[in-house]
């Protein structure tokens, strides 16, 4: 989406910036959303993406870490789109250490934000994000924002933008479908590179626990999803390693609450 504002959750702090015409009436009937070619292109092939060292409060190391993950994302998704015969363009990444306007909007409370018009996302490397970067949160943050890039280049973003909505409840539900899909796509990528990571199942479970703790229950704004649903979609993508698992647009309302 193009810019309308920052959609955030306190712990997840993942955001897509977009324009004013969001969401959709029930049920969603736009086939760009419900039957996108992305869903029928199979599994994301296994690939290598070893993590670089990153220490607490070290901005330079965090940039290096995230740039490596970002390069893996471009390479992996690029190969997937080529095999599927789908048009692809790389995303770009940038870093800031203080909040700034981005994509025409104030920053808000996000740790990361994607701007579809620029095909670029920014990561806010502040003390909160870098206090303890040893878990998979940074990895998942980059993968989530890249999920928004996938939505952009497949037309999902534009279809979401143009869908009408009758009220705030529908607006929020469609926002949740968009955010939960990006989270699921993050899981797809993480699952495809998992064997190359020096990680344990406990590390994965800890990331899921972070998502459970960071849902809309924390913000009071129902635009990202309940923590348990965020974790469920992330895990669904991870287990399936396929975008076919990430069709939030046909999921029941309870799955995107």
C-alpha atoms as a PDB file:
ATOM      1  CA  UNK A   1       0.000   0.000   0.000  1.00  0.00           C
ATOM      2  CA  UNK A   2       0.950   3.573  -0.436  1.00  0.00           C
ATOM      3  CA  UNK A   3       0.985   5.764   2.561  1.00  0.00           C
ATOM      4  CA  UNK A   4      -1.903   6.278   4.947  1.00  0.00           C
ATOM      5  CA  UNK A   5      -0.147   5.800   8.230  1.00  0.00           C
ATOM      6  CA  UNK A   6       1.693   3.487  10.528  1.00  0.00           C
ATOM      7  CA  UNK A   7       0.140   0.185  11.444  1.00  0.00           C
ATOM      8  CA  UNK A   8       1.974  -1.010  14.510  1.00  0.00           C
ATOM      9  CA  UNK A   9       2.049  -3.446  17.379  1.00  0.00           C
ATOM     10  CA  UNK A  10       4.091  -2.672  20.461  1.00  0.00           C
ATOM     11  CA  UNK A  11       6.317  -5.727  20.352  1.00  0.00           C
ATOM     12  CA  UNK A  12       6.144  -6.694  16.704  1.00  0.00           C
ATOM     13  CA  UNK A  13       6.603  -3.130  15.518  1.00  0.00           C
ATOM     14  CA  UNK A  14       6.124  -4.189  11.902  1.00  0.00           C
ATOM     15  CA  UNK A  15       4.486  -1.810   9.489  1.00  0.00           C
ATOM     16  CA  UNK A  16       3.300  -1.295   5.957  1.00  0.00           C
ATOM     17  CA  UNK A  17       2.713   2.253   4.790  1.00  0.00           C
ATOM     18  CA  UNK A  18      -0.225   2.809   2.471  1.00  0.00           C
ATOM     19  CA  UNK A  19      -2.860   5.134   1.067  1.00  0.00           C
ATOM     20  CA  UNK A  20      -6.380   5.966   1.989  1.00  0.00           C
ATOM     21  CA  UNK A  21      -8.583   3.388   0.257  1.00  0.00           C
ATOM     22  CA  UNK A  22      -8.180   0.191   2.281  1.00  0.00           C
ATOM     23  CA  UNK A  23      -9.960  -2.951   3.129  1.00  0.00           C
ATOM     24  CA  UNK A  24     -12.966  -4.703   1.784  1.00  0.00           C
ATOM     25  CA  UNK A  25     -16.562  -5.685   2.155  1.00  0.00           C
ATOM     26  CA  UNK A  26     -17.353  -9.273   3.153  1.00  0.00           C
ATOM     27  CA  UNK A  27     -16.531 -11.645   1.630  1.00  0.00           C
ATOM     28  CA  UNK A  28     -13.428 -10.604  -0.285  1.00  0.00           C
ATOM     29  CA  UNK A  29     -14.119 -11.230  -3.978  1.00  0.00           C
ATOM     30  CA  UNK A  30     -11.083  -9.693  -5.666  1.00  0.00           C
ATOM     31  CA  UNK A  31      -9.176 -12.600  -7.181  1.00  0.00           C
ATOM     32  CA  UNK A  32      -5.914 -10.683  -7.021  1.00  0.00           C
ATOM     33  CA  UNK A  33      -6.277 -11.157  -3.278  1.00  0.00           C
ATOM     34  CA  UNK A  34      -7.996 -14.527  -3.090  1.00  0.00           C
ATOM     35  CA  UNK A  35      -6.469 -16.392  -6.058  1.00  0.00           C
ATOM     36  CA  UNK A  36      -3.169 -14.661  -6.679  1.00  0.00           C
ATOM     37  CA  UNK A  37      -0.638 -16.566  -8.807  1.00  0.00           C
ATOM     38  CA  UNK A  38       1.718 -16.335  -5.841  1.00  0.00           C
ATOM     39  CA  UNK A  39      -0.308 -19.049  -4.096  1.00  0.00           C
ATOM     40  CA  UNK A  40       0.110 -21.615  -6.873  1.00  0.00           C
ATOM     41  CA  UNK A  41       3.865 -21.386  -7.434  1.00  0.00           C
ATOM     42  CA  UNK A  42       4.840 -24.133  -4.994  1.00  0.00           C
ATOM     43  CA  UNK A  43       7.315 -24.217  -2.137  1.00  0.00           C
ATOM     44  CA  UNK A  44      10.118 -21.752  -1.635  1.00  0.00           C
ATOM     45  CA  UNK A  45      13.270 -23.801  -2.347  1.00  0.00           C
ATOM     46  CA  UNK A  46      15.688 -24.405   0.511  1.00  0.00           C
ATOM     47  CA  UNK A  47      18.629 -22.014   0.523  1.00  0.00           C
ATOM     48  CA  UNK A  48      21.473 -20.862   2.749  1.00  0.00           C
ATOM     49  CA  UNK A  49      21.355 -17.736   4.912  1.00  0.00           C
ATOM     50  CA  UNK A  50      23.820 -17.954   7.784  1.00  0.00           C
ATOM     51  CA  UNK A  51      23.511 -15.240  10.401  1.00  0.00           C
ATOM     52  CA  UNK A  52      26.269 -12.764  11.102  1.00  0.00           C
ATOM     53  CA  UNK A  53      27.256 -11.898  14.650  1.00  0.00           C
ATOM     54  CA  UNK A  54      25.408  -9.015  16.234  1.00  0.00           C
ATOM     55  CA  UNK A  55      26.060  -7.590  19.683  1.00  0.00           C
ATOM     56  CA  UNK A  56      23.792  -5.468  21.879  1.00  0.00           C
ATOM     57  CA  UNK A  57      23.640  -1.771  20.988  1.00  0.00           C
ATOM     58  CA  UNK A  58      26.067  -2.130  18.078  1.00  0.00           C
ATOM     59  CA  UNK A  59      24.484  -0.303  15.135  1.00  0.00           C
ATOM     60  CA  UNK A  60      27.207  -1.232  12.641  1.00  0.00           C
ATOM     61  CA  UNK A  61      26.891  -4.946  13.420  1.00  0.00           C
ATOM     62  CA  UNK A  62      23.101  -4.742  13.224  1.00  0.00           C
ATOM     63  CA  UNK A  63      23.334  -3.114   9.782  1.00  0.00           C
ATOM     64  CA  UNK A  64      25.678  -5.859   8.618  1.00  0.00           C
ATOM     65  CA  UNK A  65      23.406  -8.553  10.043  1.00  0.00           C
ATOM     66  CA  UNK A  66      20.246  -7.176   8.485  1.00  0.00           C
ATOM     67  CA  UNK A  67      21.911  -6.465   5.137  1.00  0.00           C
ATOM     68  CA  UNK A  68      22.952 -10.115   4.943  1.00  0.00           C
ATOM     69  CA  UNK A  69      19.394 -11.261   5.696  1.00  0.00           C
ATOM     70  CA  UNK A  70      18.045  -8.747   3.181  1.00  0.00           C
ATOM     71  CA  UNK A  71      20.374 -10.069   0.462  1.00  0.00           C
ATOM     72  CA  UNK A  72      19.172 -13.586   1.210  1.00  0.00           C
ATOM     73  CA  UNK A  73      15.573 -12.418   0.867  1.00  0.00           C
ATOM     74  CA  UNK A  74      16.201 -10.805  -2.518  1.00  0.00           C
ATOM     75  CA  UNK A  75      18.047 -13.882  -3.798  1.00  0.00           C
ATOM     76  CA  UNK A  76      15.558 -16.448  -2.497  1.00  0.00           C
ATOM     77  CA  UNK A  77      12.358 -14.709  -3.529  1.00  0.00           C
ATOM     78  CA  UNK A  78      13.923 -13.601  -6.828  1.00  0.00           C
ATOM     79  CA  UNK A  79      14.724 -17.203  -7.757  1.00  0.00           C
ATOM     80  CA  UNK A  80      11.234 -18.283  -6.703  1.00  0.00           C
ATOM     81  CA  UNK A  81       9.528 -15.666  -8.875  1.00  0.00           C
ATOM     82  CA  UNK A  82      11.744 -16.500 -11.846  1.00  0.00           C
ATOM     83  CA  UNK A  83      10.886 -20.198 -11.582  1.00  0.00           C
ATOM     84  CA  UNK A  84       7.190 -19.330 -11.305  1.00  0.00           C
ATOM     85  CA  UNK A  85       7.323 -17.005 -14.314  1.00  0.00           C
ATOM     86  CA  UNK A  86       6.228 -14.030 -12.229  1.00  0.00           C
ATOM     87  CA  UNK A  87       7.670 -10.519 -12.622  1.00  0.00           C
ATOM     88  CA  UNK A  88      10.088  -9.600  -9.860  1.00  0.00           C
ATOM     89  CA  UNK A  89      12.057  -6.610  -8.686  1.00  0.00           C
ATOM     90  CA  UNK A  90      14.436  -6.397  -5.743  1.00  0.00           C
ATOM     91  CA  UNK A  91      13.511  -4.460  -2.645  1.00  0.00           C
ATOM     92  CA  UNK A  92      15.843  -1.913  -1.076  1.00  0.00           C
ATOM     93  CA  UNK A  93      16.708  -1.445   2.573  1.00  0.00           C
ATOM     94  CA  UNK A  94      17.821   1.496   4.676  1.00  0.00           C
ATOM     95  CA  UNK A  95      18.551   2.191   8.328  1.00  0.00           C
ATOM     96  CA  UNK A  96      17.854   5.046  10.703  1.00  0.00           C
ATOM     97  CA  UNK A  97      18.766   5.555  14.344  1.00  0.00           C
ATOM     98  CA  UNK A  98      16.155   8.243  15.048  1.00  0.00           C
ATOM     99  CA  UNK A  99      12.544   8.495  13.992  1.00  0.00           C
ATOM    100  CA  UNK A 100      11.908  10.423  10.776  1.00  0.00           C
ATOM    101  CA  UNK A 101       9.175  10.947   8.229  1.00  0.00           C
ATOM    102  CA  UNK A 102       9.086   8.151   5.707  1.00  0.00           C
ATOM    103  CA  UNK A 103       6.897   7.653   2.655  1.00  0.00           C
ATOM    104  CA  UNK A 104       5.110  10.907   3.496  1.00  0.00           C
ATOM    105  CA  UNK A 105       4.122   9.973   7.049  1.00  0.00           C
ATOM    106  CA  UNK A 106       5.466  10.400  10.555  1.00  0.00           C
ATOM    107  CA  UNK A 107       7.191   7.299  11.892  1.00  0.00           C
ATOM    108  CA  UNK A 108       4.997   6.325  14.829  1.00  0.00           C
ATOM    109  CA  UNK A 109       6.086   3.402  17.037  1.00  0.00           C
ATOM    110  CA  UNK A 110       7.332   0.990  14.384  1.00  0.00           C
ATOM    111  CA  UNK A 111      10.680  -0.799  14.287  1.00  0.00           C
ATOM    112  CA  UNK A 112      10.380  -1.234  10.530  1.00  0.00           C
ATOM    113  CA  UNK A 113       8.306   0.253   7.723  1.00  0.00           C
ATOM    114  CA  UNK A 114       7.908  -0.508   4.020  1.00  0.00           C
ATOM    115  CA  UNK A 115       7.086   2.084   1.351  1.00  0.00           C
ATOM    116  CA  UNK A 116       5.586   0.501  -1.786  1.00  0.00           C
ATOM    117  CA  UNK A 117       6.199   3.541  -3.993  1.00  0.00           C
ATOM    118  CA  UNK A 118       9.921   3.356  -3.221  1.00  0.00           C
ATOM    119  CA  UNK A 119      10.044  -0.443  -2.946  1.00  0.00           C
ATOM    120  CA  UNK A 120      12.173   0.177   0.107  1.00  0.00           C
ATOM    121  CA  UNK A 121      11.926  -0.451   3.793  1.00  0.00           C
ATOM    122  CA  UNK A 122      13.635   1.224   6.721  1.00  0.00           C
ATOM    123  CA  UNK A 123      14.663  -0.315  10.022  1.00  0.00           C
ATOM    124  CA  UNK A 124      14.885   1.850  13.132  1.00  0.00           C
ATOM    125  CA  UNK A 125      18.061   0.758  14.927  1.00  0.00           C
ATOM    126  CA  UNK A 126      17.342   2.310  18.293  1.00  0.00           C
ATOM    127  CA  UNK A 127      18.152   1.181  21.830  1.00  0.00           C
ATOM    128  CA  UNK A 128      14.902  -0.760  22.175  1.00  0.00           C
ATOM    129  CA  UNK A 129      15.557  -2.903  19.111  1.00  0.00           C
ATOM    130  CA  UNK A 130      19.245  -3.448  19.828  1.00  0.00           C
ATOM    131  CA  UNK A 131      19.080  -4.024  23.570  1.00  0.00           C
ATOM    132  CA  UNK A 132      19.206  -7.819  23.066  1.00  0.00           C
ATOM    133  CA  UNK A 133      19.500  -8.730  19.368  1.00  0.00           C
ATOM    134  CA  UNK A 134      20.552 -12.337  19.942  1.00  0.00           C
ATOM    135  CA  UNK A 135      17.137 -13.883  19.269  1.00  0.00           C
ATOM    136  CA  UNK A 136      15.397 -14.234  15.903  1.00  0.00           C
ATOM    137  CA  UNK A 137      13.439 -10.998  16.168  1.00  0.00           C
ATOM    138  CA  UNK A 138      15.708  -9.023  13.802  1.00  0.00           C
ATOM    139  CA  UNK A 139      15.580 -11.872  11.297  1.00  0.00           C
ATOM    140  CA  UNK A 140      11.806 -12.011  11.506  1.00  0.00           C
ATOM    141  CA  UNK A 141      11.510  -8.227  11.251  1.00  0.00           C
ATOM    142  CA  UNK A 142      13.382  -8.151   7.934  1.00  0.00           C
ATOM    143  CA  UNK A 143      11.401 -11.128   6.626  1.00  0.00           C
ATOM    144  CA  UNK A 144       8.073  -9.501   7.579  1.00  0.00           C
ATOM    145  CA  UNK A 145       8.864  -6.217   5.863  1.00  0.00           C
ATOM    146  CA  UNK A 146       9.956  -8.181   2.809  1.00  0.00           C
ATOM    147  CA  UNK A 147       6.573  -9.885   2.938  1.00  0.00           C
ATOM    148  CA  UNK A 148       5.064  -6.467   2.257  1.00  0.00           C
ATOM    149  CA  UNK A 149       7.362  -6.151  -0.746  1.00  0.00           C
ATOM    150  CA  UNK A 150       6.030  -9.477  -2.062  1.00  0.00           C
ATOM    151  CA  UNK A 151       2.504  -8.144  -1.623  1.00  0.00           C
ATOM    152  CA  UNK A 152       3.496  -5.033  -3.543  1.00  0.00           C
ATOM    153  CA  UNK A 153       5.021  -6.704  -6.596  1.00  0.00           C
ATOM    154  CA  UNK A 154       2.220  -9.279  -6.901  1.00  0.00           C
ATOM    155  CA  UNK A 155      -0.521  -6.632  -6.978  1.00  0.00           C
ATOM    156  CA  UNK A 156      -1.944  -7.661  -3.591  1.00  0.00           C
ATOM    157  CA  UNK A 157      -1.028  -4.267  -2.193  1.00  0.00           C
ATOM    158  CA  UNK A 158      -2.905  -2.358  -4.916  1.00  0.00           C
ATOM    159  CA  UNK A 159      -5.924  -4.642  -4.697  1.00  0.00           C
ATOM    160  CA  UNK A 160      -6.047  -4.051  -0.957  1.00  0.00           C
ATOM    161  CA  UNK A 161      -5.790  -0.319  -1.493  1.00  0.00           C
ATOM    162  CA  UNK A 162      -8.750  -0.149  -3.838  1.00  0.00           C
ATOM    163  CA  UNK A 163     -11.134  -2.338  -1.864  1.00  0.00           C
ATOM    164  CA  UNK A 164     -14.001  -0.390  -0.287  1.00  0.00           C
ATOM    165  CA  UNK A 165     -15.071  -0.848   3.295  1.00  0.00           C
ATOM    166  CA  UNK A 166     -18.293  -0.080   5.097  1.00  0.00           C
ATOM    167  CA  UNK A 167     -17.003   0.766   8.558  1.00  0.00           C
ATOM    168  CA  UNK A 168     -13.973   0.821  10.857  1.00  0.00           C
ATOM    169  CA  UNK A 169     -14.468  -2.829  11.768  1.00  0.00           C
ATOM    170  CA  UNK A 170     -14.067  -3.907   8.139  1.00  0.00           C
ATOM    171  CA  UNK A 171     -11.137  -1.545   7.690  1.00  0.00           C
ATOM    172  CA  UNK A 172      -9.360  -3.119  10.644  1.00  0.00           C
ATOM    173  CA  UNK A 173     -10.116  -6.681   9.563  1.00  0.00           C
ATOM    174  CA  UNK A 174      -8.628  -6.126   6.125  1.00  0.00           C
ATOM    175  CA  UNK A 175      -5.610  -4.461   7.695  1.00  0.00           C
ATOM    176  CA  UNK A 176      -5.184  -7.592   9.804  1.00  0.00           C
ATOM    177  CA  UNK A 177      -5.453  -9.823   6.731  1.00  0.00           C
ATOM    178  CA  UNK A 178      -2.691  -7.790   5.091  1.00  0.00           C
ATOM    179  CA  UNK A 179      -0.385  -7.813   8.118  1.00  0.00           C
ATOM    180  CA  UNK A 180      -0.966 -11.481   8.936  1.00  0.00           C
ATOM    181  CA  UNK A 181      -0.199 -12.426   5.354  1.00  0.00           C
ATOM    182  CA  UNK A 182       3.126 -10.581   5.547  1.00  0.00           C
ATOM    183  CA  UNK A 183       3.844 -12.454   8.783  1.00  0.00           C
ATOM    184  CA  UNK A 184       3.040 -15.774   7.130  1.00  0.00           C
ATOM    185  CA  UNK A 185       5.322 -14.942   4.189  1.00  0.00           C
ATOM    186  CA  UNK A 186       8.055 -14.190   6.717  1.00  0.00           C
ATOM    187  CA  UNK A 187       7.538 -17.689   8.094  1.00  0.00           C
ATOM    188  CA  UNK A 188       7.801 -19.168   4.597  1.00  0.00           C
ATOM    189  CA  UNK A 189      11.217 -17.609   4.112  1.00  0.00           C
ATOM    190  CA  UNK A 190      12.475 -18.549   7.573  1.00  0.00           C
ATOM    191  CA  UNK A 191      11.355 -22.133   6.999  1.00  0.00           C
ATOM    192  CA  UNK A 192      13.201 -22.242   3.675  1.00  0.00           C
ATOM    193  CA  UNK A 193      16.545 -21.262   5.258  1.00  0.00           C
ATOM    194  CA  UNK A 194      16.086 -22.875   8.671  1.00  0.00           C
ATOM    195  CA  UNK A 195      18.549 -25.696   8.133  1.00  0.00           C
ATOM    196  CA  UNK A 196      21.318 -23.156   7.417  1.00  0.00           C
ATOM    197  CA  UNK A 197      20.734 -21.287  10.687  1.00  0.00           C
ATOM    198  CA  UNK A 198      22.601 -22.251  13.817  1.00  0.00           C
ATOM    199  CA  UNK A 199      19.337 -22.301  15.729  1.00  0.00           C
ATOM    200  CA  UNK A 200      17.304 -24.693  17.829  1.00  0.00           C
ATOM    201  CA  UNK A 201      13.587 -25.326  18.040  1.00  0.00           C
ATOM    202  CA  UNK A 202      13.679 -23.420  21.315  1.00  0.00           C
ATOM    203  CA  UNK A 203      14.780 -20.348  19.364  1.00  0.00           C
ATOM    204  CA  UNK A 204      11.773 -20.739  17.089  1.00  0.00           C
ATOM    205  CA  UNK A 205       9.394 -21.252  19.977  1.00  0.00           C
ATOM    206  CA  UNK A 206      10.785 -18.142  21.654  1.00  0.00           C
ATOM    207  CA  UNK A 207      10.073 -16.060  18.535  1.00  0.00           C
ATOM    208  CA  UNK A 208       6.522 -17.407  18.479  1.00  0.00           C
ATOM    209  CA  UNK A 209       6.169 -16.485  22.153  1.00  0.00           C
ATOM    210  CA  UNK A 210       7.284 -12.936  21.346  1.00  0.00           C
ATOM    211  CA  UNK A 211       4.566 -12.696  18.705  1.00  0.00           C
ATOM    212  CA  UNK A 212       1.935 -13.999  21.112  1.00  0.00           C
ATOM    213  CA  UNK A 213       2.922 -11.275  23.556  1.00  0.00           C
ATOM    214  CA  UNK A 214       2.969  -8.524  20.936  1.00  0.00           C
ATOM    215  CA  UNK A 215      -0.481  -8.529  19.373  1.00  0.00           C
ATOM    216  CA  UNK A 216      -3.331  -6.078  19.323  1.00  0.00           C
ATOM    217  CA  UNK A 217      -4.051  -6.865  22.966  1.00  0.00           C
ATOM    218  CA  UNK A 218      -1.077  -4.648  23.775  1.00  0.00           C
ATOM    219  CA  UNK A 219      -2.107  -1.649  21.678  1.00  0.00           C
ATOM    220  CA  UNK A 220      -5.874  -1.625  21.836  1.00  0.00           C
ATOM    221  CA  UNK A 221      -5.888  -1.020  18.059  1.00  0.00           C
ATOM    222  CA  UNK A 222      -7.210  -4.014  16.123  1.00  0.00           C
ATOM    223  CA  UNK A 223      -5.126  -3.645  12.968  1.00  0.00           C
ATOM    224  CA  UNK A 224      -2.455  -6.392  13.233  1.00  0.00           C
ATOM    225  CA  UNK A 225      -4.184  -9.316  14.905  1.00  0.00           C
ATOM    226  CA  UNK A 226      -4.261 -10.985  18.278  1.00  0.00           C
ATOM    227  CA  UNK A 227      -0.928 -12.303  19.404  1.00  0.00           C
ATOM    228  CA  UNK A 228      -1.969 -15.928  19.067  1.00  0.00           C
ATOM    229  CA  UNK A 229      -3.060 -15.354  15.464  1.00  0.00           C
ATOM    230  CA  UNK A 230       0.164 -13.553  14.577  1.00  0.00           C
ATOM    231  CA  UNK A 231       2.133 -16.499  15.930  1.00  0.00           C
ATOM    232  CA  UNK A 232      -0.169 -18.999  14.203  1.00  0.00           C
ATOM    233  CA  UNK A 233       0.278 -17.436  10.755  1.00  0.00           C
ATOM    234  CA  UNK A 234       4.030 -17.128  11.214  1.00  0.00           C
ATOM    235  CA  UNK A 235       4.221 -20.788  12.195  1.00  0.00           C
ATOM    236  CA  UNK A 236       1.898 -21.822   9.361  1.00  0.00           C
ATOM    237  CA  UNK A 237       4.215 -20.259   6.790  1.00  0.00           C
ATOM    238  CA  UNK A 238       7.259 -21.773   8.484  1.00  0.00           C
ATOM    239  CA  UNK A 239       5.798 -25.292   8.434  1.00  0.00           C
ATOM    240  CA  UNK A 240       4.457 -25.109   4.867  1.00  0.00           C
ATOM    241  CA  UNK A 241       7.404 -23.230   3.300  1.00  0.00           C
ATOM    242  CA  UNK A 242       4.875 -22.179   0.651  1.00  0.00           C
ATOM    243  CA  UNK A 243       2.900 -18.978  -0.007  1.00  0.00           C
ATOM    244  CA  UNK A 244      -0.122 -21.207  -0.604  1.00  0.00           C
ATOM    245  CA  UNK A 245      -0.405 -21.345   3.195  1.00  0.00           C
ATOM    246  CA  UNK A 246      -0.638 -17.554   3.397  1.00  0.00           C
ATOM    247  CA  UNK A 247      -3.995 -16.815   1.770  1.00  0.00           C
ATOM    248  CA  UNK A 248      -5.410 -14.801   4.640  1.00  0.00           C
ATOM    249  CA  UNK A 249      -8.029 -13.311   2.298  1.00  0.00           C
ATOM    250  CA  UNK A 250     -10.111 -16.486   2.299  1.00  0.00           C
ATOM    251  CA  UNK A 251      -9.531 -17.335   5.972  1.00  0.00           C
ATOM    252  CA  UNK A 252     -12.396 -17.202   8.455  1.00  0.00           C
ATOM    253  CA  UNK A 253     -12.818 -14.074  10.528  1.00  0.00           C
ATOM    254  CA  UNK A 254     -11.684 -15.901  13.666  1.00  0.00           C
ATOM    255  CA  UNK A 255      -8.329 -16.758  12.051  1.00  0.00           C
ATOM    256  CA  UNK A 256      -7.625 -13.076  11.414  1.00  0.00           C
ATOM    257  CA  UNK A 257      -9.111 -11.643  14.606  1.00  0.00           C
END
